[in-house]
Amino acid sequence: MTARIIDGKVIAAELRARVADEVARVKREHNLVPGLAVVLVGSDPASEVYVRSKHTQTQVAGMASFEHKLPADVSQADLLALVAKLNRDPAVHGILVQLPLPKGLNTEAVVNAIDPAKDVDGLHPNNAGRLAGGFEALSPCTPLGCIILTKSVHASLEGMNAIVIGRSNLVGRPLVQLLLNENATVTIAHSRSRDLPGLVKRADLVYAAVGKSEMVRGDWLKPGATVIDVGINRIPKDDGKTRLVGDVAYQEGLAVAGAITPVPGGVGQMTVACLLVNTLRAACAIAGLPKPAV
C-alpha cells in the first residue's frame, strides 16, 4: 500500500479560485476591494521569494496589494510609524510584517502594534487569545492550511487522535487550538517529550512542525495515518546545491501512511492561499459585511 499524496498545489489553487470569486462578489455588491499590505524589512532571500509570491497571488485574486520595503537598518520607531499609518489606511484590510525581522528590532512590539482586525498573520495577542478561548479570530495561515489539507482526506476530524510535534506560536500552538475546535483529541509534543515515537504511533493525524529534517521516521507512524509535514529544510546535495525536505522521512512515510503531504508541494502552497482567505475575511468584518463563503 502506498499513501495517497495530498496535493497542496491543487487544493491551494481551488481555494484561491474560490477567494477570487468572493472578492469579485464583494466588489460587485458592496464596492469593496480587499487590500493587503506586506512589509519587508531587509533583504532575506527566502522572505523576498515569499513576498513576491504573496504580491502576485493577491493581485490574481483581484485584491489590492501594497508592498513596503524597508532597509535592514530601519529604526524601530520608523517601522512602528509605518504600521500605525497602515492601521489608519481605509484601503488596507490586512497587514503582514514578514518575519523574521533583522536583529535589533523587537518583533513582539511590532506584532502588538498591528490592529488586531487587520492582523492577517493571526499573531496579535488578541487573536491568539480569542483562538485559545474558542472564539472567532483571525488564525495563523499555516495552521489554517494544515486543517484544510486534513479535511481533503477526512470530512470530519471529530474524535480522531492528533499529535502536533512543535509548539511555536506561528504553527504548533494555534494548530492545537484549531484541532480542538474540530473536536479532535490533541497531544502536543516537542523536543522534551518522552518516547516521541510511541506518542506518534497512537495518532490518526500527525502534524510535524519541528524544523528538523526527516526527524519523523516511517516506523513511528500508525499504519494508515494522515501525515501533514510543515517542515521546510534545505539539505546539501553532492553537487553543492540544496534540496528541500520536510520534517518527515517522506519515502518511509509513503509506505506506511494513508495520506501524506509532499515537501515541496504541500503545506507551503496553502500558506499564501490562507493569507488571501484571512484578508478577505478581515475586509468583510471591518466593513460590517457577513462572513465570506470561504
C-alpha atoms as a PDB file:
ATOM      1  CA  MET A   1       0.000   0.000   0.000  1.00  0.00           C
ATOM      2  CA  THR A   2       1.295   3.441  -0.934  1.00  0.00           C
ATOM      3  CA  ALA A   3      -0.115   6.522   0.753  1.00  0.00           C
ATOM      4  CA  ARG A   4      -2.329   8.958  -1.094  1.00  0.00           C
ATOM      5  CA  ILE A   5      -0.290  12.090  -1.824  1.00  0.00           C
ATOM      6  CA  ILE A   6      -2.148  15.198  -0.662  1.00  0.00           C
ATOM      7  CA  ASP A   7      -1.556  17.694  -3.483  1.00  0.00           C
ATOM      8  CA  GLY A   8      -1.240  21.124  -1.877  1.00  0.00           C
ATOM      9  CA  LYS A   9      -0.856  22.791  -5.283  1.00  0.00           C
ATOM     10  CA  VAL A  10      -4.268  21.612  -6.476  1.00  0.00           C
ATOM     11  CA  ILE A  11      -6.057  22.297  -3.167  1.00  0.00           C
ATOM     12  CA  ALA A  12      -4.472  25.776  -2.873  1.00  0.00           C
ATOM     13  CA  ALA A  13      -5.425  26.614  -6.480  1.00  0.00           C
ATOM     14  CA  GLU A  14      -9.053  25.633  -5.783  1.00  0.00           C
ATOM     15  CA  LEU A  15      -9.055  27.767  -2.628  1.00  0.00           C
ATOM     16  CA  ARG A  16      -7.559  30.769  -4.451  1.00  0.00           C
ATOM     17  CA  ALA A  17     -10.221  30.440  -7.164  1.00  0.00           C
ATOM     18  CA  ARG A  18     -12.976  30.473  -4.511  1.00  0.00           C
ATOM     19  CA  VAL A  19     -11.383  33.546  -2.890  1.00  0.00           C
ATOM     20  CA  ALA A  20     -11.258  35.314  -6.289  1.00  0.00           C
ATOM     21  CA  ASP A  21     -14.978  34.572  -6.829  1.00  0.00           C
ATOM     22  CA  GLU A  22     -15.853  36.038  -3.415  1.00  0.00           C
ATOM     23  CA  VAL A  23     -13.599  39.078  -3.984  1.00  0.00           C
ATOM     24  CA  ALA A  24     -15.425  39.728  -7.272  1.00  0.00           C
ATOM     25  CA  ARG A  25     -18.769  39.397  -5.468  1.00  0.00           C
ATOM     26  CA  VAL A  26     -17.957  41.849  -2.627  1.00  0.00           C
ATOM     27  CA  LYS A  27     -16.602  44.282  -5.255  1.00  0.00           C
ATOM     28  CA  ARG A  28     -19.774  43.983  -7.303  1.00  0.00           C
ATOM     29  CA  GLU A  29     -22.282  44.051  -4.439  1.00  0.00           C
ATOM     30  CA  HIS A  30     -20.549  46.342  -1.933  1.00  0.00           C
ATOM     31  CA  ASN A  31     -17.898  48.253  -3.919  1.00  0.00           C
ATOM     32  CA  LEU A  32     -15.288  46.828  -1.545  1.00  0.00           C
ATOM     33  CA  VAL A  33     -11.768  45.912  -2.728  1.00  0.00           C
ATOM     34  CA  PRO A  34      -9.869  43.943  -0.039  1.00  0.00           C
ATOM     35  CA  GLY A  35      -6.344  45.303   0.387  1.00  0.00           C
ATOM     36  CA  LEU A  36      -3.251  43.558   1.751  1.00  0.00           C
ATOM     37  CA  ALA A  37      -0.128  45.429   2.859  1.00  0.00           C
ATOM     38  CA  VAL A  38       3.095  43.425   3.185  1.00  0.00           C
ATOM     39  CA  VAL A  39       6.095  44.946   4.967  1.00  0.00           C
ATOM     40  CA  LEU A  40       9.529  43.502   4.211  1.00  0.00           C
ATOM     41  CA  VAL A  41      12.481  44.693   6.289  1.00  0.00           C
ATOM     42  CA  GLY A  42      15.938  43.931   4.885  1.00  0.00           C
ATOM     43  CA  SER A  43      16.705  41.527   2.058  1.00  0.00           C
ATOM     44  CA  ASP A  44      16.455  37.982   3.376  1.00  0.00           C
ATOM     45  CA  PRO A  45      16.307  35.878   0.143  1.00  0.00           C
ATOM     46  CA  ALA A  46      13.664  33.428   1.434  1.00  0.00           C
ATOM     47  CA  SER A  47      11.480  36.309   2.662  1.00  0.00           C
ATOM     48  CA  GLU A  48      11.832  38.093  -0.691  1.00  0.00           C
ATOM     49  CA  VAL A  49      10.572  34.993  -2.536  1.00  0.00           C
ATOM     50  CA  TYR A  50       7.578  34.740  -0.157  1.00  0.00           C
ATOM     51  CA  VAL A  51       6.739  38.431  -0.529  1.00  0.00           C
ATOM     52  CA  ARG A  52       6.877  38.236  -4.352  1.00  0.00           C
ATOM     53  CA  SER A  53       4.556  35.224  -4.295  1.00  0.00           C
ATOM     54  CA  LYS A  54       2.130  36.994  -1.930  1.00  0.00           C
ATOM     55  CA  HIS A  55       2.109  40.105  -4.130  1.00  0.00           C
ATOM     56  CA  THR A  56       1.354  38.103  -7.293  1.00  0.00           C
ATOM     57  CA  GLN A  57      -1.345  35.922  -5.724  1.00  0.00           C
ATOM     58  CA  THR A  58      -3.049  38.932  -4.096  1.00  0.00           C
ATOM     59  CA  GLN A  59      -3.352  40.655  -7.461  1.00  0.00           C
ATOM     60  CA  VAL A  60      -4.508  37.496  -9.258  1.00  0.00           C
ATOM     61  CA  ALA A  61      -7.309  37.175  -6.673  1.00  0.00           C
ATOM     62  CA  GLY A  62      -8.471  40.702  -7.557  1.00  0.00           C
ATOM     63  CA  MET A  63      -7.293  42.340  -4.329  1.00  0.00           C
ATOM     64  CA  ALA A  64      -5.187  45.462  -3.883  1.00  0.00           C
ATOM     65  CA  SER A  65      -1.564  44.729  -2.971  1.00  0.00           C
ATOM     66  CA  PHE A  66       0.613  47.266  -1.142  1.00  0.00           C
ATOM     67  CA  GLU A  67       4.314  46.460  -0.774  1.00  0.00           C
ATOM     68  CA  HIS A  68       6.565  48.302   1.657  1.00  0.00           C
ATOM     69  CA  LYS A  69      10.285  47.507   1.541  1.00  0.00           C
ATOM     70  CA  LEU A  70      12.426  48.945   4.323  1.00  0.00           C
ATOM     71  CA  PRO A  71      16.203  48.755   4.790  1.00  0.00           C
ATOM     72  CA  ALA A  72      17.575  46.264   7.343  1.00  0.00           C
ATOM     73  CA  ASP A  73      18.837  49.161   9.481  1.00  0.00           C
ATOM     74  CA  VAL A  74      15.418  50.843   9.761  1.00  0.00           C
ATOM     75  CA  SER A  75      14.735  52.131  13.269  1.00  0.00           C
ATOM     76  CA  GLN A  76      12.102  50.551  15.490  1.00  0.00           C
ATOM     77  CA  ALA A  77      10.302  53.924  15.611  1.00  0.00           C
ATOM     78  CA  ASP A  78      10.119  54.195  11.804  1.00  0.00           C
ATOM     79  CA  LEU A  79       8.814  50.646  11.456  1.00  0.00           C
ATOM     80  CA  LEU A  80       6.149  51.278  14.131  1.00  0.00           C
ATOM     81  CA  ALA A  81       5.217  54.551  12.398  1.00  0.00           C
ATOM     82  CA  LEU A  82       4.597  52.651   9.146  1.00  0.00           C
ATOM     83  CA  VAL A  83       2.428  50.078  10.971  1.00  0.00           C
ATOM     84  CA  ALA A  84       0.425  52.919  12.568  1.00  0.00           C
ATOM     85  CA  LYS A  85      -0.089  54.505   9.128  1.00  0.00           C
ATOM     86  CA  LEU A  86      -1.316  51.188   7.671  1.00  0.00           C
ATOM     87  CA  ASN A  87      -3.656  50.729  10.664  1.00  0.00           C
ATOM     88  CA  ARG A  88      -5.300  54.061   9.744  1.00  0.00           C
ATOM     89  CA  ASP A  89      -5.418  53.444   5.966  1.00  0.00           C
ATOM     90  CA  PRO A  90      -9.009  52.504   4.959  1.00  0.00           C
ATOM     91  CA  ALA A  91      -7.758  50.800   1.748  1.00  0.00           C
ATOM     92  CA  VAL A  92      -5.720  48.318   3.820  1.00  0.00           C
ATOM     93  CA  HIS A  93      -7.637  45.446   5.453  1.00  0.00           C
ATOM     94  CA  GLY A  94      -4.705  43.113   6.100  1.00  0.00           C
ATOM     95  CA  ILE A  95      -1.221  43.905   7.411  1.00  0.00           C
ATOM     96  CA  LEU A  96       1.581  41.362   7.301  1.00  0.00           C
ATOM     97  CA  VAL A  97       5.069  42.166   8.575  1.00  0.00           C
ATOM     98  CA  GLN A  98       7.341  39.486   7.095  1.00  0.00           C
ATOM     99  CA  LEU A  99       9.192  37.577   9.832  1.00  0.00           C
ATOM    100  CA  PRO A 100      11.933  37.058  10.904  1.00  0.00           C
ATOM    101  CA  LEU A 101      12.872  40.717  11.369  1.00  0.00           C
ATOM    102  CA  PRO A 102      16.549  41.719  11.305  1.00  0.00           C
ATOM    103  CA  LYS A 103      18.396  41.708  14.623  1.00  0.00           C
ATOM    104  CA  GLY A 104      17.886  44.799  16.739  1.00  0.00           C
ATOM    105  CA  LEU A 105      14.153  45.075  16.015  1.00  0.00           C
ATOM    106  CA  ASN A 106      11.630  43.993  18.636  1.00  0.00           C
ATOM    107  CA  THR A 107       9.303  41.522  16.902  1.00  0.00           C
ATOM    108  CA  GLU A 108       6.835  41.399  19.797  1.00  0.00           C
ATOM    109  CA  ALA A 109       6.420  45.197  19.830  1.00  0.00           C
ATOM    110  CA  VAL A 110       5.833  45.240  16.054  1.00  0.00           C
ATOM    111  CA  VAL A 111       3.267  42.416  16.153  1.00  0.00           C
ATOM    112  CA  ASN A 112       1.486  44.059  19.098  1.00  0.00           C
ATOM    113  CA  ALA A 113       1.278  47.349  17.172  1.00  0.00           C
ATOM    114  CA  ILE A 114      -0.793  45.844  14.333  1.00  0.00           C
ATOM    115  CA  ASP A 115      -4.547  46.486  14.562  1.00  0.00           C
ATOM    116  CA  PRO A 116      -5.960  43.048  15.569  1.00  0.00           C
ATOM    117  CA  ALA A 117      -8.742  43.477  12.968  1.00  0.00           C
ATOM    118  CA  LYS A 118      -6.043  43.693  10.253  1.00  0.00           C
ATOM    119  CA  ASP A 119      -3.716  41.050  11.729  1.00  0.00           C
ATOM    120  CA  VAL A 120      -3.916  38.524   8.867  1.00  0.00           C
ATOM    121  CA  ASP A 121      -0.952  36.570  10.297  1.00  0.00           C
ATOM    122  CA  GLY A 122      -3.062  35.833  13.401  1.00  0.00           C
ATOM    123  CA  LEU A 123      -0.156  36.600  15.767  1.00  0.00           C
ATOM    124  CA  HIS A 124      -1.539  39.548  17.781  1.00  0.00           C
ATOM    125  CA  PRO A 125      -2.229  38.526  21.411  1.00  0.00           C
ATOM    126  CA  ASN A 126      -5.919  39.465  20.913  1.00  0.00           C
ATOM    127  CA  ASN A 127      -6.277  36.958  18.073  1.00  0.00           C
ATOM    128  CA  ALA A 128      -4.142  34.296  19.795  1.00  0.00           C
ATOM    129  CA  GLY A 129      -6.240  34.694  22.963  1.00  0.00           C
ATOM    130  CA  ARG A 130      -9.546  34.566  21.098  1.00  0.00           C
ATOM    131  CA  LEU A 131      -8.428  31.450  19.243  1.00  0.00           C
ATOM    132  CA  ALA A 132      -7.346  29.828  22.546  1.00  0.00           C
ATOM    133  CA  GLY A 133     -10.738  30.682  24.030  1.00  0.00           C
ATOM    134  CA  GLY A 134     -12.598  29.099  21.112  1.00  0.00           C
ATOM    135  CA  PHE A 135     -13.886  32.459  19.811  1.00  0.00           C
ATOM    136  CA  GLU A 136     -13.976  33.789  16.258  1.00  0.00           C
ATOM    137  CA  ALA A 137     -10.463  35.035  15.366  1.00  0.00           C
ATOM    138  CA  LEU A 138      -8.018  35.520  12.516  1.00  0.00           C
ATOM    139  CA  SER A 139      -5.907  32.342  12.670  1.00  0.00           C
ATOM    140  CA  PRO A 140      -2.289  31.985  11.510  1.00  0.00           C
ATOM    141  CA  CYS A 141      -2.190  30.958   7.849  1.00  0.00           C
ATOM    142  CA  THR A 142      -0.063  27.804   8.032  1.00  0.00           C
ATOM    143  CA  PRO A 143      -2.184  26.028  10.699  1.00  0.00           C
ATOM    144  CA  LEU A 144      -5.339  27.011   8.792  1.00  0.00           C
ATOM    145  CA  GLY A 145      -3.809  25.422   5.675  1.00  0.00           C
ATOM    146  CA  CYS A 146      -2.982  22.263   7.656  1.00  0.00           C
ATOM    147  CA  ILE A 147      -6.645  21.881   8.678  1.00  0.00           C
ATOM    148  CA  ILE A 148      -7.884  22.396   5.094  1.00  0.00           C
ATOM    149  CA  LEU A 149      -5.411  19.769   3.797  1.00  0.00           C
ATOM    150  CA  THR A 150      -6.516  17.300   6.504  1.00  0.00           C
ATOM    151  CA  LYS A 151     -10.166  17.862   5.613  1.00  0.00           C
ATOM    152  CA  SER A 152      -9.400  16.999   1.993  1.00  0.00           C
ATOM    153  CA  VAL A 153      -8.890  13.458   3.379  1.00  0.00           C
ATOM    154  CA  HIS A 154     -11.326  13.366   6.328  1.00  0.00           C
ATOM    155  CA  ALA A 155     -14.656  15.211   6.143  1.00  0.00           C
ATOM    156  CA  SER A 156     -14.763  15.301   9.952  1.00  0.00           C
ATOM    157  CA  LEU A 157     -11.863  15.234  12.432  1.00  0.00           C
ATOM    158  CA  GLU A 158     -14.184  14.628  15.382  1.00  0.00           C
ATOM    159  CA  GLY A 159     -12.827  12.119  17.896  1.00  0.00           C
ATOM    160  CA  MET A 160      -9.616  11.469  15.953  1.00  0.00           C
ATOM    161  CA  ASN A 161      -6.278  11.283  17.808  1.00  0.00           C
ATOM    162  CA  ALA A 162      -3.977  14.059  16.576  1.00  0.00           C
ATOM    163  CA  ILE A 163      -0.383  14.822  17.509  1.00  0.00           C
ATOM    164  CA  VAL A 164       1.273  18.166  16.851  1.00  0.00           C
ATOM    165  CA  ILE A 165       5.080  17.984  17.045  1.00  0.00           C
ATOM    166  CA  GLY A 166       6.312  21.505  17.687  1.00  0.00           C
ATOM    167  CA  ARG A 167       4.952  24.298  19.904  1.00  0.00           C
ATOM    168  CA  SER A 168       5.803  27.538  18.099  1.00  0.00           C
ATOM    169  CA  ASN A 169       3.410  30.489  18.246  1.00  0.00           C
ATOM    170  CA  LEU A 170       3.312  30.504  14.454  1.00  0.00           C
ATOM    171  CA  VAL A 171       2.286  26.872  13.892  1.00  0.00           C
ATOM    172  CA  GLY A 172       2.190  24.415  16.798  1.00  0.00           C
ATOM    173  CA  ARG A 173       0.135  26.264  19.402  1.00  0.00           C
ATOM    174  CA  PRO A 174      -2.531  27.709  17.067  1.00  0.00           C
ATOM    175  CA  LEU A 175      -2.796  24.364  15.246  1.00  0.00           C
ATOM    176  CA  VAL A 176      -3.662  22.690  18.563  1.00  0.00           C
ATOM    177  CA  GLN A 177      -6.494  25.213  19.085  1.00  0.00           C
ATOM    178  CA  LEU A 178      -7.857  24.702  15.550  1.00  0.00           C
ATOM    179  CA  LEU A 179      -7.809  20.913  16.048  1.00  0.00           C
ATOM    180  CA  LEU A 180      -9.662  21.295  19.349  1.00  0.00           C
ATOM    181  CA  ASN A 181     -12.263  23.405  17.506  1.00  0.00           C
ATOM    182  CA  GLU A 182     -12.683  20.416  15.152  1.00  0.00           C
ATOM    183  CA  ASN A 183     -13.273  18.164  18.218  1.00  0.00           C
ATOM    184  CA  ALA A 184     -10.092  16.158  17.704  1.00  0.00           C
ATOM    185  CA  THR A 185      -8.212  14.725  20.713  1.00  0.00           C
ATOM    186  CA  VAL A 186      -4.856  16.504  20.671  1.00  0.00           C
ATOM    187  CA  THR A 187      -1.396  15.720  22.026  1.00  0.00           C
ATOM    188  CA  ILE A 188       1.210  18.484  21.736  1.00  0.00           C
ATOM    189  CA  ALA A 189       4.753  17.123  21.631  1.00  0.00           C
ATOM    190  CA  HIS A 190       8.160  18.810  21.432  1.00  0.00           C
ATOM    191  CA  SER A 191      11.899  18.291  21.908  1.00  0.00           C
ATOM    192  CA  ARG A 192      11.461  17.414  25.606  1.00  0.00           C
ATOM    193  CA  SER A 193       8.674  14.856  25.099  1.00  0.00           C
ATOM    194  CA  ARG A 194       9.484  11.342  26.292  1.00  0.00           C
ATOM    195  CA  ASP A 195       9.080   8.431  23.858  1.00  0.00           C
ATOM    196  CA  LEU A 196       8.103  10.600  20.885  1.00  0.00           C
ATOM    197  CA  PRO A 197       7.908   7.568  18.523  1.00  0.00           C
ATOM    198  CA  GLY A 198       5.425   5.926  20.930  1.00  0.00           C
ATOM    199  CA  LEU A 199       3.278   9.085  21.067  1.00  0.00           C
ATOM    200  CA  VAL A 200       3.258   9.399  17.264  1.00  0.00           C
ATOM    201  CA  LYS A 201       2.341   5.708  16.849  1.00  0.00           C
ATOM    202  CA  ARG A 202      -1.021   6.290  18.554  1.00  0.00           C
ATOM    203  CA  ALA A 203      -2.046   9.214  16.311  1.00  0.00           C
ATOM    204  CA  ASP A 204      -4.511   9.111  13.409  1.00  0.00           C
ATOM    205  CA  LEU A 205      -3.332  12.592  12.397  1.00  0.00           C
ATOM    206  CA  VAL A 206       0.358  13.588  12.554  1.00  0.00           C
ATOM    207  CA  TYR A 207       1.496  17.221  12.164  1.00  0.00           C
ATOM    208  CA  ALA A 208       5.282  17.626  12.016  1.00  0.00           C
ATOM    209  CA  ALA A 209       6.419  21.211  12.659  1.00  0.00           C
ATOM    210  CA  VAL A 210       9.809  20.985  14.375  1.00  0.00           C
ATOM    211  CA  GLY A 211      12.229  22.202  11.700  1.00  0.00           C
ATOM    212  CA  LYS A 212      14.422  19.092  11.865  1.00  0.00           C
ATOM    213  CA  SER A 213      14.931  17.359   8.543  1.00  0.00           C
ATOM    214  CA  GLU A 214      13.342  13.896   8.264  1.00  0.00           C
ATOM    215  CA  MET A 215      13.073  13.513  12.040  1.00  0.00           C
ATOM    216  CA  VAL A 216       9.792  11.579  11.954  1.00  0.00           C
ATOM    217  CA  ARG A 217      10.534   8.091  10.618  1.00  0.00           C
ATOM    218  CA  GLY A 218       8.172   5.738   8.830  1.00  0.00           C
ATOM    219  CA  ASP A 219       8.209   3.194  11.671  1.00  0.00           C
ATOM    220  CA  TRP A 220       6.934   5.874  14.066  1.00  0.00           C
ATOM    221  CA  LEU A 221       3.664   6.097  12.144  1.00  0.00           C
ATOM    222  CA  LYS A 222       0.457   4.226  12.764  1.00  0.00           C
ATOM    223  CA  PRO A 223      -0.419   2.388   9.518  1.00  0.00           C
ATOM    224  CA  GLY A 224      -2.982   4.443   7.583  1.00  0.00           C
ATOM    225  CA  ALA A 225      -2.332   7.699   9.497  1.00  0.00           C
ATOM    226  CA  THR A 226      -2.713  11.066   7.760  1.00  0.00           C
ATOM    227  CA  VAL A 227       0.610  12.958   7.847  1.00  0.00           C
ATOM    228  CA  ILE A 228       0.866  16.721   7.366  1.00  0.00           C
ATOM    229  CA  ASP A 229       4.506  17.803   7.035  1.00  0.00           C
ATOM    230  CA  VAL A 230       5.021  21.502   7.862  1.00  0.00           C
ATOM    231  CA  GLY A 231       8.830  21.365   7.757  1.00  0.00           C
ATOM    232  CA  ILE A 232      10.915  23.068   5.078  1.00  0.00           C
ATOM    233  CA  ASN A 233      14.581  22.160   5.468  1.00  0.00           C
ATOM    234  CA  ARG A 234      17.382  22.691   2.969  1.00  0.00           C
ATOM    235  CA  ILE A 235      19.951  19.904   2.923  1.00  0.00           C
ATOM    236  CA  PRO A 236      23.111  19.860   0.772  1.00  0.00           C
ATOM    237  CA  LYS A 237      23.361  17.600  -2.275  1.00  0.00           C
ATOM    238  CA  ASP A 238      26.561  16.092  -3.709  1.00  0.00           C
ATOM    239  CA  ASP A 239      26.661  18.700  -6.494  1.00  0.00           C
ATOM    240  CA  GLY A 240      26.858  21.567  -3.990  1.00  0.00           C
ATOM    241  CA  LYS A 241      23.203  22.571  -4.465  1.00  0.00           C
ATOM    242  CA  THR A 242      20.498  22.023  -1.852  1.00  0.00           C
ATOM    243  CA  ARG A 243      17.250  20.099  -1.882  1.00  0.00           C
ATOM    244  CA  LEU A 244      14.121  20.704   0.165  1.00  0.00           C
ATOM    245  CA  VAL A 245      12.952  18.056   2.606  1.00  0.00           C
ATOM    246  CA  GLY A 246      10.316  18.068   5.318  1.00  0.00           C
ATOM    247  CA  ASP A 247      10.341  17.002   8.964  1.00  0.00           C
ATOM    248  CA  VAL A 248       9.098  13.537   7.918  1.00  0.00           C
ATOM    249  CA  ALA A 249      11.183  10.903   6.100  1.00  0.00           C
ATOM    250  CA  TYR A 250       8.940  11.092   3.034  1.00  0.00           C
ATOM    251  CA  GLN A 251       9.705   7.810   1.253  1.00  0.00           C
ATOM    252  CA  GLU A 252       9.358   5.880   4.540  1.00  0.00           C
ATOM    253  CA  GLY A 253       6.115   7.728   5.295  1.00  0.00           C
ATOM    254  CA  LEU A 254       4.696   6.912   1.857  1.00  0.00           C
ATOM    255  CA  ALA A 255       4.971   3.203   2.645  1.00  0.00           C
ATOM    256  CA  VAL A 256       3.068   3.414   5.957  1.00  0.00           C
ATOM    257  CA  ALA A 257       0.716   6.413   5.961  1.00  0.00           C
ATOM    258  CA  GLY A 258      -2.760   6.521   4.480  1.00  0.00           C
ATOM    259  CA  ALA A 259      -2.179  10.043   3.161  1.00  0.00           C
ATOM    260  CA  ILE A 260       0.825  12.383   3.279  1.00  0.00           C
ATOM    261  CA  THR A 261       1.822  15.871   2.115  1.00  0.00           C
ATOM    262  CA  PRO A 262       4.971  16.214  -0.004  1.00  0.00           C
ATOM    263  CA  VAL A 263       7.688  18.840   0.532  1.00  0.00           C
ATOM    264  CA  PRO A 264       7.653  20.949  -1.564  1.00  0.00           C
ATOM    265  CA  GLY A 265       4.097  20.967  -2.932  1.00  0.00           C
ATOM    266  CA  GLY A 266       2.165  20.502   0.306  1.00  0.00           C
ATOM    267  CA  VAL A 267       1.614  22.882   3.222  1.00  0.00           C
ATOM    268  CA  GLY A 268       3.711  25.731   1.753  1.00  0.00           C
ATOM    269  CA  GLN A 269       1.236  26.156  -1.101  1.00  0.00           C
ATOM    270  CA  MET A 270      -1.610  26.622   1.382  1.00  0.00           C
ATOM    271  CA  THR A 271       0.006  29.369   3.456  1.00  0.00           C
ATOM    272  CA  VAL A 272      -0.369  32.111   0.813  1.00  0.00           C
ATOM    273  CA  ALA A 273      -3.861  30.890  -0.158  1.00  0.00           C
ATOM    274  CA  CYS A 274      -4.948  31.128   3.500  1.00  0.00           C
ATOM    275  CA  LEU A 275      -3.436  34.617   3.733  1.00  0.00           C
ATOM    276  CA  LEU A 276      -5.849  35.626   0.950  1.00  0.00           C
ATOM    277  CA  VAL A 277      -8.717  33.986   2.884  1.00  0.00           C
ATOM    278  CA  ASN A 278      -7.792  35.964   6.018  1.00  0.00           C
ATOM    279  CA  THR A 279      -7.528  39.248   4.088  1.00  0.00           C
ATOM    280  CA  LEU A 280     -10.968  38.720   2.539  1.00  0.00           C
ATOM    281  CA  ARG A 281     -12.457  37.781   5.939  1.00  0.00           C
ATOM    282  CA  ALA A 282     -10.841  40.827   7.576  1.00  0.00           C
ATOM    283  CA  ALA A 283     -12.135  43.161   4.837  1.00  0.00           C
ATOM    284  CA  CYS A 284     -15.696  41.866   5.236  1.00  0.00           C
ATOM    285  CA  ALA A 285     -15.537  42.084   9.062  1.00  0.00           C
ATOM    286  CA  ILE A 286     -14.144  45.637   9.006  1.00  0.00           C
ATOM    287  CA  ALA A 287     -16.885  46.682   6.538  1.00  0.00           C
ATOM    288  CA  GLY A 288     -19.570  45.033   8.712  1.00  0.00           C
ATOM    289  CA  LEU A 289     -20.456  42.519   5.983  1.00  0.00           C
ATOM    290  CA  PRO A 290     -21.376  38.840   6.527  1.00  0.00           C
ATOM    291  CA  LYS A 291     -18.506  36.344   6.614  1.00  0.00           C
ATOM    292  CA  PRO A 292     -17.491  35.359   3.053  1.00  0.00           C
ATOM    293  CA  ALA A 293     -18.149  31.837   1.797  1.00  0.00           C
ATOM    294  CA  VAL A 294     -14.513  30.636   2.040  1.00  0.00           C
END
